[in-house]
Every structure is written in C-alpha cells, then in structure tokens.
C-alpha cells in the first residue's frame, strides 16, 4: 500500500485556486506592449544609465544607430528578441 504525503492542506489548495482565478480574471484581455524601439536621446541615456553626451559619442562612433536631425534625433534601442 502506497503512503500519501500531504504537503498542503485542502484549505491551502482552495486559497491558491481562488488566487489563480482572481489573477486570471485581472489579466483577461491584457496585452504586453513591447518598449519602443526608437527613443529620444534623453530616453536612451536613461535606458543605458549614461549621460546624453555619451549617447551622442556612441552615435558618432557608430556604436548605436540613430536617425533624424540633431534637434530631434532618435536612437534605436537594441533588440533582445533577435528582431
């Protein structure tokens, strides 16, 4: 005869089940919005944790891609998903 080991009480399982149902209800219809790929120089600086001048030097050195004029330049953030 097999021995049963109970690691959780029926009340614990019921509470977890209720919590899962509530989380599913809250998430119903939700979508995940990816961060923008093109951002302003100040936003890129915040993203990388550096000064705006560092971003300008990286652009000049070809380390990161940028588009637009100096006044409205945007920086392409790296993709973490290979696209």
Protein backbone atom coordinates (compact mmCIF):
# COMPACT_ATOMS: atom_id res chain seq x y z
CA UNK A 1 0.00 0.00 0.00
CA UNK A 2 1.37 3.42 -1.03
CA UNK A 3 1.92 6.10 1.53
CA UNK A 4 0.47 9.52 0.78
CA UNK A 5 2.29 12.63 1.89
CA UNK A 6 0.32 15.85 2.03
CA UNK A 7 2.38 19.00 1.69
CA UNK A 8 -0.60 21.35 1.56
CA UNK A 9 -3.95 21.33 3.26
CA UNK A 10 -7.20 21.40 1.34
CA UNK A 11 -7.68 24.97 2.59
CA UNK A 12 -4.27 25.98 1.22
CA UNK A 13 -5.10 24.49 -2.17
CA UNK A 14 -8.52 26.19 -2.19
CA UNK A 15 -6.91 29.55 -1.36
CA UNK A 16 -4.33 29.13 -4.13
CA UNK A 17 -7.04 28.11 -6.60
CA UNK A 18 -9.05 31.22 -5.72
CA UNK A 19 -5.95 33.40 -6.10
CA UNK A 20 -5.20 31.91 -9.53
CA UNK A 21 -8.79 32.52 -10.64
CA UNK A 22 -8.60 36.15 -9.48
CA UNK A 23 -5.29 36.69 -11.28
CA UNK A 24 -6.72 35.18 -14.46
CA UNK A 25 -9.74 37.49 -14.15
CA UNK A 26 -7.48 40.53 -13.73
CA UNK A 27 -5.32 39.55 -16.69
CA UNK A 28 -8.18 38.71 -19.04
CA UNK A 29 -7.85 40.80 -22.16
CA UNK A 30 -4.46 42.18 -21.16
CA UNK A 31 -1.70 42.60 -23.69
CA UNK A 32 2.01 43.07 -23.33
CA UNK A 33 3.26 46.18 -25.09
CA UNK A 34 6.91 46.00 -26.05
CA UNK A 35 9.02 49.05 -25.34
CA UNK A 36 9.53 51.44 -28.26
CA UNK A 37 12.47 50.61 -30.48
CA UNK A 38 13.23 54.24 -31.41
CA UNK A 39 13.56 56.63 -28.48
CA UNK A 40 14.83 60.16 -27.88
CA UNK A 41 18.43 60.74 -26.84
CA UNK A 42 17.42 61.58 -23.23
CA UNK A 43 15.32 58.40 -23.07
CA UNK A 44 18.21 56.36 -24.48
CA UNK A 45 20.52 57.88 -21.87
CA UNK A 46 18.10 56.85 -19.11
CA UNK A 47 17.76 53.38 -20.65
CA UNK A 48 21.54 52.82 -20.67
CA UNK A 49 22.19 54.74 -17.43
CA UNK A 50 24.59 57.20 -19.07
CA UNK A 51 24.72 60.93 -19.84
CA UNK A 52 23.19 62.31 -23.04
CA UNK A 53 26.69 63.28 -24.18
CA UNK A 54 27.72 59.63 -24.00
CA UNK A 55 24.83 58.73 -26.31
CA UNK A 56 25.99 61.42 -28.77
CA UNK A 57 29.53 59.99 -28.70
CA UNK A 58 28.21 56.46 -29.25
CA UNK A 59 26.22 57.71 -32.24
CA UNK A 60 29.28 59.49 -33.67
CA UNK A 61 31.38 56.35 -33.13
CA UNK A 62 28.78 54.16 -34.85
CA UNK A 63 28.15 52.10 -31.72
CA UNK A 64 24.40 52.75 -31.85
CA UNK A 65 22.10 53.62 -34.73
CA UNK A 66 20.34 56.98 -34.85
CA UNK A 67 18.01 58.82 -37.20
CA UNK A 68 16.72 62.35 -37.54
CA UNK A 69 18.31 65.74 -37.10
CA UNK A 70 20.46 66.81 -34.18
CA UNK A 71 17.46 68.60 -32.61
CA UNK A 72 15.12 65.61 -32.96
CA UNK A 73 17.45 62.63 -33.08
CA UNK A 74 16.14 59.19 -32.16
CA UNK A 75 18.19 56.20 -31.09
CA UNK A 76 17.45 52.59 -31.94
CA UNK A 77 17.42 50.51 -28.76
CA UNK A 78 18.92 47.04 -29.11
CA UNK A 79 16.53 44.17 -29.60
CA UNK A 80 16.59 41.40 -27.05
CA UNK A 81 14.46 39.11 -29.21
CA UNK A 82 16.57 38.93 -32.33
CA UNK A 83 14.37 41.14 -34.50
